[in-house]
Amino acid sequence: MAPSQVSSDPTTMPSTKKLTQYRKDQLPGSRRSKPSVRLLNQQVKARIEAEHELIQKLIGDAHTRAQLLGKARGQLAPLVVWTDFDHFRDYTEIDPQRLPPWDEIGEYLKIHLLFQVILEFGGFSFTARIRPDLEDKWVSEGRNALGRIRRLVPEAMKRHGLSNLEYCYVVEGKTRRGGSRTGLHLHGFFAADDPLIATRFKIAIESAISLHPKGKAAAGYARHSGAPVDIERAYEADGDGKRGYGRWPAYLAKNILRRDDRLCGRRIFISQDATQLTREFWKLLREEPV
């Protein structure tokens, strides 16, 4: 649901669970009846900060259990460190029974949870540039870039037999620190242990938004620019023992609240299969029946 569709009832506060920056002109109702955009965006940021702290604790607890279980059992099966709570409550920070239900958590936490699942079972991170000629065409025709991307990518996934793939991405057009404007590009990750699936995914993304049939020059890329799509095995980094888990999902969201007039609407996409996988993982953490 795009921010312009957050609610038909002007007395209802739009959701703070979405990774989006609200603007006054995106909210329905008269000017006086609209909620404070400043307050709303402050609440979005506060939720992100709270969910970031929660995922740090959850991953930290999983690492603690991995160390303790590894000494006793050796090699561990996937998800064991996320579900074996009973014996280690004296060593961990989170009580699973106090975790909020699925409907109360936000998108920031969900992409972190999905990333942890693919680390367990195998997955890849990717960056994909939007063809400059495509971006220019969308601007000249007054098209919504997000709408075009959300149509072209799933169509390419379907053509290459990846309709059921668990994947997510964020669209952005800023530099690493958000200070300068760049060409539009995607950062994301997907679940796959087989490198052949990663190759098919790369071909699908390239055909959808990154490669021109007539080559790099026709696409508008600089002559010596690198490959428009980069894929590598997903991995975790703990910052040499300091809190900093889930760095790639955090990197995805780094500029998502910064204004960019080229991007009207929600900049994050999570496939239905990815959402279902994440929901099942959350049930495991909350010790619910799966």
C-alpha atoms as a PDB file:
ATOM      1  CA  MET A   1       0.000   0.000   0.000  1.00  0.00           C
ATOM      2  CA  ALA A   2       1.539   3.330  -1.068  1.00  0.00           C
ATOM      3  CA  PRO A   3       1.669   6.273   1.376  1.00  0.00           C
ATOM      4  CA  SER A   4      -1.028   8.063  -0.626  1.00  0.00           C
ATOM      5  CA  GLN A   5      -3.347   5.181   0.270  1.00  0.00           C
ATOM      6  CA  VAL A   6      -2.498   4.790   3.926  1.00  0.00           C
ATOM      7  CA  SER A   7      -6.024   5.411   5.156  1.00  0.00           C
ATOM      8  CA  SER A   8      -9.420   6.575   3.929  1.00  0.00           C
ATOM      9  CA  ASP A   9     -10.202   7.719   7.495  1.00  0.00           C
ATOM     10  CA  PRO A  10      -8.410  10.998   8.268  1.00  0.00           C
ATOM     11  CA  THR A  11      -8.774  10.385  12.012  1.00  0.00           C
ATOM     12  CA  THR A  12      -6.673   7.207  11.757  1.00  0.00           C
ATOM     13  CA  MET A  13      -2.918   7.556  12.151  1.00  0.00           C
ATOM     14  CA  PRO A  14      -1.082   6.021   9.162  1.00  0.00           C
ATOM     15  CA  SER A  15       1.046   2.992   9.924  1.00  0.00           C
ATOM     16  CA  THR A  16       4.516   3.497  11.385  1.00  0.00           C
ATOM     17  CA  LYS A  17       5.399  -0.108  10.476  1.00  0.00           C
ATOM     18  CA  LYS A  18       6.166   0.791   6.864  1.00  0.00           C
ATOM     19  CA  LEU A  19       9.646   1.865   5.812  1.00  0.00           C
ATOM     20  CA  THR A  20       8.596   5.145   4.282  1.00  0.00           C
ATOM     21  CA  GLN A  21       8.908   8.901   4.757  1.00  0.00           C
ATOM     22  CA  TYR A  22       5.472  10.505   4.842  1.00  0.00           C
ATOM     23  CA  ARG A  23       4.664  13.879   3.289  1.00  0.00           C
ATOM     24  CA  LYS A  24       1.628  16.067   3.924  1.00  0.00           C
ATOM     25  CA  ASP A  25       0.447  15.915   0.314  1.00  0.00           C
ATOM     26  CA  GLN A  26       0.388  12.092   0.454  1.00  0.00           C
ATOM     27  CA  LEU A  27      -2.176  11.933   3.252  1.00  0.00           C
ATOM     28  CA  PRO A  28      -5.947  12.054   2.631  1.00  0.00           C
ATOM     29  CA  GLY A  29      -8.391  14.529   4.140  1.00  0.00           C
ATOM     30  CA  SER A  30      -8.383  18.253   4.733  1.00  0.00           C
ATOM     31  CA  ARG A  31      -5.232  20.010   5.903  1.00  0.00           C
ATOM     32  CA  ARG A  32      -6.526  20.426   9.464  1.00  0.00           C
ATOM     33  CA  SER A  33      -7.657  16.821   9.753  1.00  0.00           C
ATOM     34  CA  LYS A  34      -4.325  15.352   8.672  1.00  0.00           C
ATOM     35  CA  PRO A  35      -1.999  13.996  11.365  1.00  0.00           C
ATOM     36  CA  SER A  36       1.269  15.758  12.077  1.00  0.00           C
ATOM     37  CA  VAL A  37       3.733  14.531   9.441  1.00  0.00           C
ATOM     38  CA  ARG A  38       6.662  15.532  11.629  1.00  0.00           C
ATOM     39  CA  LEU A  39       5.347  13.465  14.530  1.00  0.00           C
ATOM     40  CA  LEU A  40       4.485  10.565  12.235  1.00  0.00           C
ATOM     41  CA  ASN A  41       7.975  10.439  10.733  1.00  0.00           C
ATOM     42  CA  GLN A  42       9.542  10.714  14.180  1.00  0.00           C
ATOM     43  CA  GLN A  43       7.538   7.658  15.197  1.00  0.00           C
ATOM     44  CA  VAL A  44       8.709   5.777  12.091  1.00  0.00           C
ATOM     45  CA  LYS A  45      12.324   6.538  13.031  1.00  0.00           C
ATOM     46  CA  ALA A  46      11.716   5.563  16.658  1.00  0.00           C
ATOM     47  CA  ARG A  47      10.266   2.221  15.562  1.00  0.00           C
ATOM     48  CA  ILE A  48      13.294   1.553  13.326  1.00  0.00           C
ATOM     49  CA  GLU A  49      15.654   2.302  16.217  1.00  0.00           C
ATOM     50  CA  ALA A  50      13.700   0.026  18.580  1.00  0.00           C
ATOM     51  CA  GLU A  51      13.549  -2.800  16.044  1.00  0.00           C
ATOM     52  CA  HIS A  52      17.248  -2.414  15.293  1.00  0.00           C
ATOM     53  CA  GLU A  53      18.038  -2.865  18.974  1.00  0.00           C
ATOM     54  CA  LEU A  54      15.743  -5.889  19.151  1.00  0.00           C
ATOM     55  CA  ILE A  55      17.404  -7.628  16.196  1.00  0.00           C
ATOM     56  CA  GLN A  56      20.822  -6.931  17.723  1.00  0.00           C
ATOM     57  CA  LYS A  57      19.726  -8.732  20.889  1.00  0.00           C
ATOM     58  CA  LEU A  58      18.124 -11.617  18.995  1.00  0.00           C
ATOM     59  CA  ILE A  59      21.202 -12.230  16.862  1.00  0.00           C
ATOM     60  CA  GLY A  60      23.463 -11.797  19.852  1.00  0.00           C
ATOM     61  CA  ASP A  61      21.444 -14.414  21.745  1.00  0.00           C
ATOM     62  CA  ALA A  62      21.655 -16.770  18.759  1.00  0.00           C
ATOM     63  CA  HIS A  63      25.443 -16.380  18.692  1.00  0.00           C
ATOM     64  CA  THR A  64      25.612 -17.083  22.423  1.00  0.00           C
ATOM     65  CA  ARG A  65      23.565 -20.251  22.027  1.00  0.00           C
ATOM     66  CA  ALA A  66      25.685 -21.279  19.025  1.00  0.00           C
ATOM     67  CA  GLN A  67      28.828 -21.084  21.128  1.00  0.00           C
ATOM     68  CA  LEU A  68      27.317 -23.014  24.012  1.00  0.00           C
ATOM     69  CA  LEU A  69      25.598 -25.614  21.834  1.00  0.00           C
ATOM     70  CA  GLY A  70      28.618 -26.003  19.593  1.00  0.00           C
ATOM     71  CA  LYS A  71      30.796 -27.023  22.496  1.00  0.00           C
ATOM     72  CA  ALA A  72      28.318 -29.735  23.443  1.00  0.00           C
ATOM     73  CA  ARG A  73      27.101 -30.931  20.044  1.00  0.00           C
ATOM     74  CA  GLY A  74      29.632 -29.939  17.442  1.00  0.00           C
ATOM     75  CA  GLN A  75      28.125 -28.950  14.080  1.00  0.00           C
ATOM     76  CA  LEU A  76      24.630 -27.499  14.429  1.00  0.00           C
ATOM     77  CA  ALA A  77      21.603 -27.962  12.210  1.00  0.00           C
ATOM     78  CA  PRO A  78      19.948 -24.834  10.757  1.00  0.00           C
ATOM     79  CA  LEU A  79      17.674 -22.852  13.097  1.00  0.00           C
ATOM     80  CA  VAL A  80      18.721 -24.797  16.215  1.00  0.00           C
ATOM     81  CA  VAL A  81      20.249 -21.704  17.794  1.00  0.00           C
ATOM     82  CA  TRP A  82      17.016 -19.800  17.194  1.00  0.00           C
ATOM     83  CA  THR A  83      14.691 -22.347  18.778  1.00  0.00           C
ATOM     84  CA  ASP A  84      16.585 -23.979  21.663  1.00  0.00           C
ATOM     85  CA  PHE A  85      15.755 -21.407  24.355  1.00  0.00           C
ATOM     86  CA  ASP A  86      15.000 -23.428  27.464  1.00  0.00           C
ATOM     87  CA  HIS A  87      18.540 -24.323  28.507  1.00  0.00           C
ATOM     88  CA  PHE A  88      20.117 -20.906  28.048  1.00  0.00           C
ATOM     89  CA  ARG A  89      17.784 -18.349  29.623  1.00  0.00           C
ATOM     90  CA  ASP A  90      20.484 -17.376  32.111  1.00  0.00           C
ATOM     91  CA  TYR A  91      22.838 -16.422  29.240  1.00  0.00           C
ATOM     92  CA  THR A  92      20.537 -14.556  26.840  1.00  0.00           C
ATOM     93  CA  GLU A  93      18.652 -11.245  26.802  1.00  0.00           C
ATOM     94  CA  ILE A  94      15.355 -12.015  25.062  1.00  0.00           C
ATOM     95  CA  ASP A  95      12.411 -13.972  26.433  1.00  0.00           C
ATOM     96  CA  PRO A  96      10.591 -15.315  23.328  1.00  0.00           C
ATOM     97  CA  GLN A  97       7.247 -15.092  25.098  1.00  0.00           C
ATOM     98  CA  ARG A  98       7.648 -11.308  25.246  1.00  0.00           C
ATOM     99  CA  LEU A  99       8.221 -10.881  21.527  1.00  0.00           C
ATOM    100  CA  PRO A 100       5.350  -8.982  19.848  1.00  0.00           C
ATOM    101  CA  PRO A 101       2.962 -10.823  17.511  1.00  0.00           C
ATOM    102  CA  TRP A 102       3.595 -10.746  13.767  1.00  0.00           C
ATOM    103  CA  ASP A 103       0.980  -8.061  13.082  1.00  0.00           C
ATOM    104  CA  GLU A 104       2.771  -5.627  15.387  1.00  0.00           C
ATOM    105  CA  ILE A 105       6.260  -5.727  13.906  1.00  0.00           C
ATOM    106  CA  GLY A 106       7.495  -3.425  11.152  1.00  0.00           C
ATOM    107  CA  GLU A 107       9.189  -3.859   7.800  1.00  0.00           C
ATOM    108  CA  TYR A 108      12.618  -2.997   9.169  1.00  0.00           C
ATOM    109  CA  LEU A 109      12.557  -5.970  11.527  1.00  0.00           C
ATOM    110  CA  LYS A 110      11.059  -8.213   8.845  1.00  0.00           C
ATOM    111  CA  ILE A 111      13.908  -7.688   6.371  1.00  0.00           C
ATOM    112  CA  HIS A 112      16.411  -8.413   9.146  1.00  0.00           C
ATOM    113  CA  LEU A 113      14.577 -11.620  10.048  1.00  0.00           C
ATOM    114  CA  LEU A 114      14.461 -12.720   6.412  1.00  0.00           C
ATOM    115  CA  PHE A 115      18.192 -12.101   6.086  1.00  0.00           C
ATOM    116  CA  GLN A 116      18.892 -14.295   9.119  1.00  0.00           C
ATOM    117  CA  VAL A 117      16.863 -17.122   7.570  1.00  0.00           C
ATOM    118  CA  ILE A 118      18.794 -17.024   4.322  1.00  0.00           C
ATOM    119  CA  LEU A 119      22.048 -17.032   6.269  1.00  0.00           C
ATOM    120  CA  GLU A 120      20.894 -20.311   7.800  1.00  0.00           C
ATOM    121  CA  PHE A 121      19.788 -21.987   4.562  1.00  0.00           C
ATOM    122  CA  GLY A 122      21.817 -20.152   1.935  1.00  0.00           C
ATOM    123  CA  GLY A 123      21.313 -16.973  -0.013  1.00  0.00           C
ATOM    124  CA  PHE A 124      22.836 -14.135  -2.005  1.00  0.00           C
ATOM    125  CA  SER A 125      23.029 -10.368  -1.730  1.00  0.00           C
ATOM    126  CA  PHE A 126      22.818  -8.203  -4.837  1.00  0.00           C
ATOM    127  CA  THR A 127      23.084  -4.686  -6.173  1.00  0.00           C
ATOM    128  CA  ALA A 128      21.525  -3.814  -9.525  1.00  0.00           C
ATOM    129  CA  ARG A 129      21.698  -0.513 -11.386  1.00  0.00           C
ATOM    130  CA  ILE A 130      18.740   0.796 -13.355  1.00  0.00           C
ATOM    131  CA  ARG A 131      19.670   1.465 -16.971  1.00  0.00           C
ATOM    132  CA  PRO A 132      20.221   5.249 -17.253  1.00  0.00           C
ATOM    133  CA  ASP A 133      18.274   5.307 -20.506  1.00  0.00           C
ATOM    134  CA  LEU A 134      15.328   3.660 -18.754  1.00  0.00           C
ATOM    135  CA  GLU A 135      15.412   6.168 -15.917  1.00  0.00           C
ATOM    136  CA  ASP A 136      15.552   9.047 -18.402  1.00  0.00           C
ATOM    137  CA  LYS A 137      12.630   7.560 -20.346  1.00  0.00           C
ATOM    138  CA  TRP A 138      10.494   7.237 -17.231  1.00  0.00           C
ATOM    139  CA  VAL A 139      11.227  10.825 -16.231  1.00  0.00           C
ATOM    140  CA  SER A 140      10.458  12.223 -19.690  1.00  0.00           C
ATOM    141  CA  GLU A 141       7.185  10.278 -19.856  1.00  0.00           C
ATOM    142  CA  GLY A 142       6.161  11.201 -16.316  1.00  0.00           C
ATOM    143  CA  ARG A 143       6.113   7.568 -15.204  1.00  0.00           C
ATOM    144  CA  ASN A 144       6.503   6.421 -11.611  1.00  0.00           C
ATOM    145  CA  ALA A 145       9.873   4.642 -11.462  1.00  0.00           C
ATOM    146  CA  LEU A 146       8.797   2.512  -8.498  1.00  0.00           C
ATOM    147  CA  GLY A 147       5.711   1.345 -10.351  1.00  0.00           C
ATOM    148  CA  ARG A 148       7.751   0.363 -13.385  1.00  0.00           C
ATOM    149  CA  ILE A 149      10.331  -1.525 -11.320  1.00  0.00           C
ATOM    150  CA  ARG A 150       7.653  -3.355  -9.325  1.00  0.00           C
ATOM    151  CA  ARG A 151       6.172  -4.532 -12.626  1.00  0.00           C
ATOM    152  CA  LEU A 152       9.314  -5.328 -14.615  1.00  0.00           C
ATOM    153  CA  VAL A 153      11.166  -7.309 -11.937  1.00  0.00           C
ATOM    154  CA  PRO A 154       8.374  -9.819 -11.124  1.00  0.00           C
ATOM    155  CA  GLU A 155       7.697 -10.284 -14.844  1.00  0.00           C
ATOM    156  CA  ALA A 156      11.362 -11.172 -15.366  1.00  0.00           C
ATOM    157  CA  MET A 157      11.310 -13.512 -12.367  1.00  0.00           C
ATOM    158  CA  LYS A 158       8.359 -15.329 -13.900  1.00  0.00           C
ATOM    159  CA  ARG A 159      10.013 -15.613 -17.319  1.00  0.00           C
ATOM    160  CA  HIS A 160      13.047 -17.251 -15.730  1.00  0.00           C
ATOM    161  CA  GLY A 161      11.112 -19.674 -13.528  1.00  0.00           C
ATOM    162  CA  LEU A 162      11.703 -17.790 -10.271  1.00  0.00           C
ATOM    163  CA  SER A 163       8.130 -16.841  -9.383  1.00  0.00           C
ATOM    164  CA  ASN A 164       8.344 -18.553  -5.989  1.00  0.00           C
ATOM    165  CA  LEU A 165      11.700 -17.109  -4.982  1.00  0.00           C
ATOM    166  CA  GLU A 166      12.007 -15.484  -1.572  1.00  0.00           C
ATOM    167  CA  TYR A 167      13.574 -12.091  -2.257  1.00  0.00           C
ATOM    168  CA  CYS A 168      13.415  -8.460  -1.276  1.00  0.00           C
ATOM    169  CA  TYR A 169      14.974  -5.203  -2.409  1.00  0.00           C
ATOM    170  CA  VAL A 170      15.027  -1.472  -1.752  1.00  0.00           C
ATOM    171  CA  VAL A 171      15.189   1.150  -4.498  1.00  0.00           C
ATOM    172  CA  GLU A 172      17.387   4.178  -3.885  1.00  0.00           C
ATOM    173  CA  GLY A 173      19.172   6.970  -5.708  1.00  0.00           C
ATOM    174  CA  LYS A 174      21.668   8.234  -3.145  1.00  0.00           C
ATOM    175  CA  THR A 175      25.312   7.686  -2.317  1.00  0.00           C
ATOM    176  CA  ARG A 176      26.373   5.578   0.657  1.00  0.00           C
ATOM    177  CA  ARG A 177      26.011   8.472   3.106  1.00  0.00           C
ATOM    178  CA  GLY A 178      22.961   9.933   1.404  1.00  0.00           C
ATOM    179  CA  GLY A 179      24.555  13.281   0.619  1.00  0.00           C
ATOM    180  CA  SER A 180      24.553  13.117  -3.169  1.00  0.00           C
ATOM    181  CA  ARG A 181      22.172  11.955  -5.858  1.00  0.00           C
ATOM    182  CA  THR A 182      23.062   8.958  -8.022  1.00  0.00           C
ATOM    183  CA  GLY A 183      21.369   6.880 -10.680  1.00  0.00           C
ATOM    184  CA  LEU A 184      18.574   4.694  -9.377  1.00  0.00           C
ATOM    185  CA  HIS A 185      19.633   1.256  -8.179  1.00  0.00           C
ATOM    186  CA  LEU A 186      18.466  -1.729  -6.138  1.00  0.00           C
ATOM    187  CA  HIS A 187      20.012  -3.342  -3.076  1.00  0.00           C
ATOM    188  CA  GLY A 188      18.555  -6.659  -1.961  1.00  0.00           C
ATOM    189  CA  PHE A 189      18.982 -10.339  -1.187  1.00  0.00           C
ATOM    190  CA  PHE A 190      17.302 -13.652  -1.953  1.00  0.00           C
ATOM    191  CA  ALA A 191      17.154 -17.202  -0.644  1.00  0.00           C
ATOM    192  CA  ALA A 192      19.017 -19.765  -2.756  1.00  0.00           C
ATOM    193  CA  ASP A 193      21.705 -22.307  -1.973  1.00  0.00           C
ATOM    194  CA  ASP A 194      22.246 -23.323  -5.603  1.00  0.00           C
ATOM    195  CA  PRO A 195      24.587 -21.015  -7.584  1.00  0.00           C
ATOM    196  CA  LEU A 196      22.579 -21.841 -10.720  1.00  0.00           C
ATOM    197  CA  ILE A 197      19.577 -20.088  -9.196  1.00  0.00           C
ATOM    198  CA  ALA A 198      21.781 -17.090  -8.464  1.00  0.00           C
ATOM    199  CA  THR A 199      22.829 -17.062 -12.132  1.00  0.00           C
ATOM    200  CA  ARG A 200      19.201 -17.195 -13.273  1.00  0.00           C
ATOM    201  CA  PHE A 201      18.351 -14.378 -10.875  1.00  0.00           C
ATOM    202  CA  LYS A 202      21.181 -12.260 -12.266  1.00  0.00           C
ATOM    203  CA  ILE A 203      20.024 -12.847 -15.839  1.00  0.00           C
ATOM    204  CA  ALA A 204      16.448 -11.992 -14.860  1.00  0.00           C
ATOM    205  CA  ILE A 205      17.400  -8.709 -13.187  1.00  0.00           C
ATOM    206  CA  GLU A 206      19.698  -7.762 -16.054  1.00  0.00           C
ATOM    207  CA  SER A 207      16.963  -8.372 -18.619  1.00  0.00           C
ATOM    208  CA  ALA A 208      14.405  -6.445 -16.564  1.00  0.00           C
ATOM    209  CA  ILE A 209      16.166  -3.219 -15.668  1.00  0.00           C
ATOM    210  CA  SER A 210      19.954  -3.297 -16.083  1.00  0.00           C
ATOM    211  CA  LEU A 211      21.142  -4.370 -19.550  1.00  0.00           C
ATOM    212  CA  HIS A 212      20.289  -2.933 -22.955  1.00  0.00           C
ATOM    213  CA  PRO A 213      20.094  -5.399 -25.880  1.00  0.00           C
ATOM    214  CA  LYS A 214      22.506  -3.164 -27.801  1.00  0.00           C
ATOM    215  CA  GLY A 215      25.104  -2.935 -25.069  1.00  0.00           C
ATOM    216  CA  LYS A 216      26.464  -0.653 -22.355  1.00  0.00           C
ATOM    217  CA  ALA A 217      26.645   2.493 -24.470  1.00  0.00           C
ATOM    218  CA  ALA A 218      23.013   2.182 -25.567  1.00  0.00           C
ATOM    219  CA  ALA A 219      22.000   1.782 -21.909  1.00  0.00           C
ATOM    220  CA  GLY A 220      23.706   5.065 -21.054  1.00  0.00           C
ATOM    221  CA  TYR A 221      26.435   3.701 -18.812  1.00  0.00           C
ATOM    222  CA  ALA A 222      29.853   5.330 -18.707  1.00  0.00           C
ATOM    223  CA  ARG A 223      32.410   3.533 -20.833  1.00  0.00           C
ATOM    224  CA  HIS A 224      34.539   2.260 -17.947  1.00  0.00           C
ATOM    225  CA  SER A 225      31.734   1.663 -15.442  1.00  0.00           C
ATOM    226  CA  GLY A 226      31.563  -1.697 -13.718  1.00  0.00           C
ATOM    227  CA  ALA A 227      29.029  -4.466 -14.173  1.00  0.00           C
ATOM    228  CA  PRO A 228      25.499  -3.174 -13.586  1.00  0.00           C
ATOM    229  CA  VAL A 229      24.524  -6.237 -11.501  1.00  0.00           C
ATOM    230  CA  ASP A 230      26.691  -7.589  -8.709  1.00  0.00           C
ATOM    231  CA  ILE A 231      25.810 -10.745  -6.732  1.00  0.00           C
ATOM    232  CA  GLU A 232      27.690 -12.447  -3.914  1.00  0.00           C
ATOM    233  CA  ARG A 233      27.033 -14.974  -1.175  1.00  0.00           C
ATOM    234  CA  ALA A 234      25.220 -13.434   1.767  1.00  0.00           C
ATOM    235  CA  TYR A 235      27.287 -13.302   4.924  1.00  0.00           C
ATOM    236  CA  GLU A 236      27.164 -11.852   8.418  1.00  0.00           C
ATOM    237  CA  ALA A 237      29.694  -9.581  10.102  1.00  0.00           C
ATOM    238  CA  ASP A 238      29.694  -8.817  13.809  1.00  0.00           C
ATOM    239  CA  GLY A 239      32.041  -5.851  13.755  1.00  0.00           C
ATOM    240  CA  ASP A 240      34.905  -7.603  15.556  1.00  0.00           C
ATOM    241  CA  GLY A 241      32.771  -8.471  18.525  1.00  0.00           C
ATOM    242  CA  LYS A 242      30.877  -5.177  18.700  1.00  0.00           C
ATOM    243  CA  ARG A 243      27.150  -4.847  18.100  1.00  0.00           C
ATOM    244  CA  GLY A 244      26.591  -4.505  14.380  1.00  0.00           C
ATOM    245  CA  TYR A 245      24.761  -7.612  13.225  1.00  0.00           C
ATOM    246  CA  GLY A 246      22.582  -7.561  10.126  1.00  0.00           C
ATOM    247  CA  ARG A 247      24.695  -5.004   8.343  1.00  0.00           C
ATOM    248  CA  TRP A 248      23.373  -5.699   4.855  1.00  0.00           C
ATOM    249  CA  PRO A 249      19.670  -5.213   5.748  1.00  0.00           C
ATOM    250  CA  ALA A 250      20.650  -2.051   7.639  1.00  0.00           C
ATOM    251  CA  TYR A 251      22.553  -0.888   4.546  1.00  0.00           C
ATOM    252  CA  LEU A 252      19.455  -1.490   2.418  1.00  0.00           C
ATOM    253  CA  ALA A 253      17.420   0.837   4.616  1.00  0.00           C
ATOM    254  CA  LYS A 254      20.062   3.532   5.111  1.00  0.00           C
ATOM    255  CA  ASN A 255      18.497   6.077   2.717  1.00  0.00           C
ATOM    256  CA  ILE A 256      14.923   4.884   2.616  1.00  0.00           C
ATOM    257  CA  LEU A 257      13.660   7.839   4.667  1.00  0.00           C
ATOM    258  CA  ARG A 258      15.520  10.441   2.591  1.00  0.00           C
ATOM    259  CA  ARG A 259      13.421  12.386   0.128  1.00  0.00           C
ATOM    260  CA  ASP A 260      13.920  11.686  -3.579  1.00  0.00           C
ATOM    261  CA  ASP A 261      11.422  13.212  -6.003  1.00  0.00           C
ATOM    262  CA  ARG A 262      12.066  10.419  -8.511  1.00  0.00           C
ATOM    263  CA  LEU A 263      10.664   7.858  -6.067  1.00  0.00           C
ATOM    264  CA  CYS A 264       7.002   8.384  -5.239  1.00  0.00           C
ATOM    265  CA  GLY A 265       5.670   5.632  -2.998  1.00  0.00           C
ATOM    266  CA  ARG A 266       7.111   2.773  -0.989  1.00  0.00           C
ATOM    267  CA  ARG A 267      10.655   1.914  -2.003  1.00  0.00           C
ATOM    268  CA  ILE A 268      10.803  -1.546  -0.458  1.00  0.00           C
ATOM    269  CA  PHE A 269       9.552  -4.758  -2.060  1.00  0.00           C
ATOM    270  CA  ILE A 270       9.251  -8.104  -0.268  1.00  0.00           C
ATOM    271  CA  SER A 271       7.946 -11.053  -2.287  1.00  0.00           C
ATOM    272  CA  GLN A 272       4.956 -12.984  -0.957  1.00  0.00           C
ATOM    273  CA  ASP A 273       7.055 -16.115  -0.505  1.00  0.00           C
ATOM    274  CA  ALA A 274       9.642 -14.091   1.426  1.00  0.00           C
ATOM    275  CA  THR A 275       6.927 -12.677   3.674  1.00  0.00           C
ATOM    276  CA  GLN A 276       5.566 -16.163   4.362  1.00  0.00           C
ATOM    277  CA  LEU A 277       9.027 -17.520   5.142  1.00  0.00           C
ATOM    278  CA  THR A 278       9.689 -14.653   7.536  1.00  0.00           C
ATOM    279  CA  ARG A 279       6.328 -15.151   9.240  1.00  0.00           C
ATOM    280  CA  GLU A 280       7.097 -18.815   9.870  1.00  0.00           C
ATOM    281  CA  PHE A 281      10.494 -17.891  11.293  1.00  0.00           C
ATOM    282  CA  TRP A 282       8.866 -15.393  13.659  1.00  0.00           C
ATOM    283  CA  LYS A 283       6.498 -18.105  14.845  1.00  0.00           C
ATOM    284  CA  LEU A 284       9.485 -20.269  15.706  1.00  0.00           C
ATOM    285  CA  LEU A 285      11.056 -17.459  17.692  1.00  0.00           C
ATOM    286  CA  ARG A 286       7.802 -16.833  19.578  1.00  0.00           C
ATOM    287  CA  GLU A 287       7.408 -20.573  20.198  1.00  0.00           C
ATOM    288  CA  GLU A 288       4.059 -20.623  18.344  1.00  0.00           C
ATOM    289  CA  PRO A 289       2.709 -23.681  16.528  1.00  0.00           C
ATOM    290  CA  VAL A 290       4.001 -23.640  12.942  1.00  0.00           C
END
